[in-house]
């Protein structure tokens, strides 16, 4: 079905923007999926698949996959995924595409929320510093 790959902790398996060359099924260890600013969207473990969305919707990688620990995965080439997907019922194809697009939108929403959170944290730190400065002048 595919080729076994091994990865070390903190090894980048693929990056945002890379072309979709295939998907991976985790055999051992853990893999983090990260947003463009490094927000951990999820951590995957044994039996979970990642990298499949780009194969189906024909877009570049939308997340970075980085090994959280030493492990291994089965790499399934894009051609095999596309072939299996094309053999699936049209309804299944439609459902999968819809879920894939929703997942990408959810990841983008998480990124936006994280950016807003970071801005609020910076504002909070600035306001606390201002408050301390004003207290000293009283």
Protein backbone atom coordinates (compact mmCIF):
# COMPACT_ATOMS: atom_id res chain seq x y z
CA UNK A 1 0.00 0.00 0.00
CA UNK A 2 2.75 2.44 0.86
CA UNK A 3 6.30 2.99 2.00
CA UNK A 4 7.31 3.08 5.66
CA UNK A 5 9.10 6.24 6.75
CA UNK A 6 10.75 7.07 10.05
CA UNK A 7 11.00 10.45 11.73
CA UNK A 8 12.83 11.93 14.69
CA UNK A 9 11.35 14.26 17.32
CA UNK A 10 10.96 17.82 15.96
CA UNK A 11 11.58 16.69 12.37
CA UNK A 12 9.46 18.57 9.84
CA UNK A 13 7.65 16.04 7.65
CA UNK A 14 6.26 18.73 5.35
CA UNK A 15 5.64 22.48 5.48
CA UNK A 16 2.79 24.80 4.62
CA UNK A 17 2.88 25.50 0.90
CA UNK A 18 4.60 22.25 -0.07
CA UNK A 19 2.97 20.41 -2.97
CA UNK A 20 0.72 17.51 -1.93
CA UNK A 21 2.74 14.39 -2.73
CA UNK A 22 0.85 11.92 -0.57
CA UNK A 23 -0.63 11.19 2.83
CA UNK A 24 0.70 9.52 5.96
CA UNK A 25 -0.74 7.04 8.43
CA UNK A 26 0.98 7.19 11.83
CA UNK A 27 2.34 3.80 12.89
CA UNK A 28 4.12 4.96 16.04
CA UNK A 29 4.95 8.22 17.77
CA UNK A 30 3.08 11.49 17.50
CA UNK A 31 2.83 14.24 14.87
CA UNK A 32 1.75 17.84 15.43
CA UNK A 33 -0.10 19.78 12.75
CA UNK A 34 0.86 23.46 12.99
CA UNK A 35 -0.63 26.64 11.55
CA UNK A 36 1.43 29.24 9.68
CA UNK A 37 2.39 30.93 12.96
CA UNK A 38 3.16 27.68 14.74
CA UNK A 39 -0.14 27.22 16.59
CA UNK A 40 -0.58 23.51 17.30
CA UNK A 41 -3.91 22.62 15.72
CA UNK A 42 -3.83 18.97 16.77
CA UNK A 43 -1.57 16.10 17.72
CA UNK A 44 -2.02 12.80 15.91
CA UNK A 45 -1.07 9.32 17.04
CA UNK A 46 -1.14 5.70 15.97
CA UNK A 47 -3.64 4.91 13.21
CA UNK A 48 -4.41 8.53 12.36
CA UNK A 49 -3.94 9.97 8.86
CA UNK A 50 -2.61 13.36 7.81
CA UNK A 51 -1.73 15.05 4.55
CA UNK A 52 -4.76 13.66 2.75
CA UNK A 53 -6.69 16.85 2.12
CA UNK A 54 -4.39 18.41 -0.47
CA UNK A 55 -4.54 15.26 -2.57
CA UNK A 56 -8.29 15.53 -2.96
CA UNK A 57 -8.87 19.26 -3.27
CA UNK A 58 -5.72 19.85 -5.30
CA UNK A 59 -4.14 22.52 -3.10
CA UNK A 60 -0.75 22.93 -1.47
CA UNK A 61 -0.24 21.81 2.13
CA UNK A 62 -2.29 24.01 4.43
CA UNK A 63 -0.42 23.07 7.64
CA UNK A 64 3.06 22.05 8.72
CA UNK A 65 3.45 18.48 9.97
CA UNK A 66 6.19 18.14 12.59
CA UNK A 67 7.08 15.04 14.59
CA UNK A 68 6.34 15.52 18.27
CA UNK A 69 8.29 12.35 19.07
CA UNK A 70 10.36 9.72 17.33
CA UNK A 71 8.12 7.48 15.26
CA UNK A 72 7.12 6.06 11.92
CA UNK A 73 4.35 6.29 9.35
CA UNK A 74 3.20 4.72 6.14
CA UNK A 75 3.48 7.12 3.20
CA UNK A 76 0.70 6.70 0.62
CA UNK A 77 1.56 8.36 -2.71
CA UNK A 78 -0.83 10.90 -4.17
CA UNK A 79 -1.59 8.70 -7.18
CA UNK A 80 -2.92 5.89 -4.96
CA UNK A 81 -5.11 8.26 -2.97
CA UNK A 82 -6.52 9.93 -6.08
CA UNK A 83 -7.20 6.54 -7.70
CA UNK A 84 -9.10 5.27 -4.63
CA UNK A 85 -10.98 8.55 -4.29
CA UNK A 86 -12.07 8.51 -7.93
CA UNK A 87 -13.46 4.99 -7.46
CA UNK A 88 -15.58 6.12 -4.51
CA UNK A 89 -19.27 6.92 -4.85
CA UNK A 90 -20.00 10.51 -5.94
CA UNK A 91 -21.83 11.19 -2.67
CA UNK A 92 -18.80 10.05 -0.65
CA UNK A 93 -16.55 12.24 -2.78
CA UNK A 94 -18.81 15.23 -2.17
CA UNK A 95 -18.97 14.63 1.56
CA UNK A 96 -15.20 14.28 1.81
CA UNK A 97 -14.56 17.46 -0.20
CA UNK A 98 -17.03 19.40 1.94
CA UNK A 99 -15.44 18.18 5.18
CA UNK A 100 -11.95 18.96 3.83
CA UNK A 101 -12.93 22.52 2.94
CA UNK A 102 -14.63 23.02 6.33
CA UNK A 103 -11.52 21.75 8.10
CA UNK A 104 -9.33 24.20 6.20
CA UNK A 105 -11.69 27.04 7.13
CA UNK A 106 -11.66 25.94 10.77
CA UNK A 107 -7.87 25.95 10.77
CA UNK A 108 -7.91 29.49 9.33
CA UNK A 109 -10.42 30.55 12.01
CA UNK A 110 -8.15 29.15 14.74
CA UNK A 111 -5.25 31.14 13.30
CA UNK A 112 -7.32 34.36 13.32
CA UNK A 113 -8.45 33.74 16.90
CA UNK A 114 -4.88 33.08 17.98
CA UNK A 115 -3.70 36.34 16.40
CA UNK A 116 -6.48 38.22 18.21
CA UNK A 117 -5.57 36.48 21.48
CA UNK A 118 -1.91 37.48 21.08
CA UNK A 119 -2.94 41.08 20.37
CA UNK A 120 -5.11 41.12 23.51
CA UNK A 121 -2.26 39.66 25.55
CA UNK A 122 0.07 42.41 24.33
CA UNK A 123 -2.56 45.08 25.11
CA UNK A 124 -3.06 43.58 28.57
CA UNK A 125 0.69 43.66 29.28
CA UNK A 126 0.90 47.27 28.08
CA UNK A 127 -2.07 48.29 30.25
CA UNK A 128 -0.59 46.56 33.30
CA UNK A 129 2.68 48.42 32.77
CA UNK A 130 0.77 51.71 32.41
CA UNK A 131 -1.18 50.95 35.58
CA UNK A 132 2.01 50.24 37.54
CA UNK A 133 3.56 53.46 36.27
CA UNK A 134 0.48 55.47 37.30
CA UNK A 135 0.44 53.85 40.77
CA UNK A 136 4.05 54.92 41.31
CA UNK A 137 3.18 58.53 40.54
CA UNK A 138 0.38 58.65 43.13
